[in-house]
Amino acid sequence: MAEAPGLPSHSFGSGLLEGGVLDCGDWSMLLTADLGWQRVMGTTWTEGRLETLALRPYDGPQSFDAAAAWYGCPLIAP
């Protein structure tokens, strides 16, 4: 188990969970927003630790679908 602070899946007061997990067969990536909801972040487990990258600007829930489309992997929503 691991923890990566500052990567929310929902905005305070919103009932909508956003992001999810990219299922790319032999690897996966957790998609969340950054703390300020400015960027879509991708987090993977690599060599025993979490690695997080900024993937694209966040411009609404569809931003996660766009990130998944870029990788060509299905997004499993929360």
Protein backbone atom coordinates (compact mmCIF):
# COMPACT_ATOMS: atom_id res chain seq x y z
CA MET A 1 0.00 0.00 0.00
CA ALA A 2 1.18 3.55 -0.72
CA GLU A 3 0.01 7.10 -0.22
CA ALA A 4 0.38 10.11 -2.51
CA PRO A 5 -1.08 13.29 -0.96
CA GLY A 6 -2.46 16.08 -3.10
CA LEU A 7 -4.11 13.92 -5.79
CA PRO A 8 -7.89 14.13 -5.28
CA SER A 9 -10.57 12.21 -7.17
CA HIS A 10 -13.37 14.55 -6.16
CA SER A 11 -13.77 18.22 -5.43
CA PHE A 12 -15.10 19.22 -2.01
CA GLY A 13 -18.88 19.63 -2.19
CA SER A 14 -19.19 17.77 -5.49
CA GLY A 15 -20.91 14.41 -5.62
CA LEU A 16 -18.98 13.47 -8.75
CA LEU A 17 -15.93 11.19 -8.59
CA GLU A 18 -13.57 11.82 -11.48
CA GLY A 19 -10.55 10.06 -12.89
CA GLY A 20 -10.09 6.33 -12.56
CA VAL A 21 -7.64 3.64 -13.57
CA LEU A 22 -6.21 3.11 -17.04
CA ASP A 23 -6.16 -0.61 -17.78
CA CYS A 24 -3.41 -1.08 -20.35
CA GLY A 25 -3.03 -4.83 -20.00
CA ASP A 26 0.45 -5.32 -18.59
CA TRP A 27 0.49 -1.95 -16.79
CA SER A 28 -1.99 0.46 -15.22
CA MET A 29 -2.09 4.11 -14.22
CA LEU A 30 -4.25 5.93 -11.69
CA LEU A 31 -5.69 9.19 -13.08
CA THR A 32 -6.51 11.97 -10.63
CA ALA A 33 -6.38 15.76 -10.59
CA ASP A 34 -3.73 17.85 -8.90
CA LEU A 35 -4.75 19.57 -5.68
CA GLY A 36 -5.73 22.79 -7.48
CA TRP A 37 -7.70 20.98 -10.20
CA GLN A 38 -5.44 22.48 -12.86
CA ARG A 39 -3.87 19.30 -14.30
CA VAL A 40 -4.69 15.64 -14.88
CA MET A 41 -2.10 13.55 -13.07
CA GLY A 42 -1.07 9.97 -13.82
CA THR A 43 0.39 7.81 -11.06
CA THR A 44 2.10 4.46 -11.56
CA TRP A 45 3.91 2.01 -9.28
CA THR A 46 7.46 1.78 -10.62
CA GLU A 47 10.39 -0.03 -9.03
CA GLY A 48 8.79 -0.09 -5.59
CA ARG A 49 7.60 3.52 -5.48
CA LEU A 50 4.90 5.80 -6.82
CA GLU A 51 5.73 8.01 -9.79
CA THR A 52 3.35 10.84 -10.71
CA LEU A 53 3.40 12.87 -13.90
CA ALA A 54 1.32 15.82 -15.10
CA LEU A 55 -0.42 14.56 -18.25
CA ARG A 56 -2.55 17.42 -19.53
CA PRO A 57 -4.50 20.48 -18.39
CA TYR A 58 -7.70 19.77 -16.47
CA ASP A 59 -10.71 21.33 -18.18
CA GLY A 60 -13.55 19.27 -16.80
CA PRO A 61 -14.40 15.58 -16.34
CA GLN A 62 -13.78 14.87 -20.03
CA SER A 63 -10.08 15.60 -19.42
CA PHE A 64 -9.66 12.10 -18.01
CA ASP A 65 -11.24 10.52 -21.09
CA ALA A 66 -8.85 12.53 -23.28
CA ALA A 67 -5.86 11.30 -21.28
CA ALA A 68 -7.06 7.69 -21.62
CA ALA A 69 -7.57 8.14 -25.37
CA TRP A 70 -4.00 9.41 -25.74
CA TYR A 71 -2.69 6.20 -24.14
CA GLY A 72 -5.20 4.08 -26.06
CA CYS A 73 -6.30 2.25 -22.93
CA PRO A 74 -9.76 1.94 -21.39
CA LEU A 75 -10.50 4.11 -18.35
CA ILE A 76 -12.15 2.25 -15.49
CA ALA A 77 -14.13 4.96 -13.71
CA PRO A 78 -14.56 4.97 -9.93
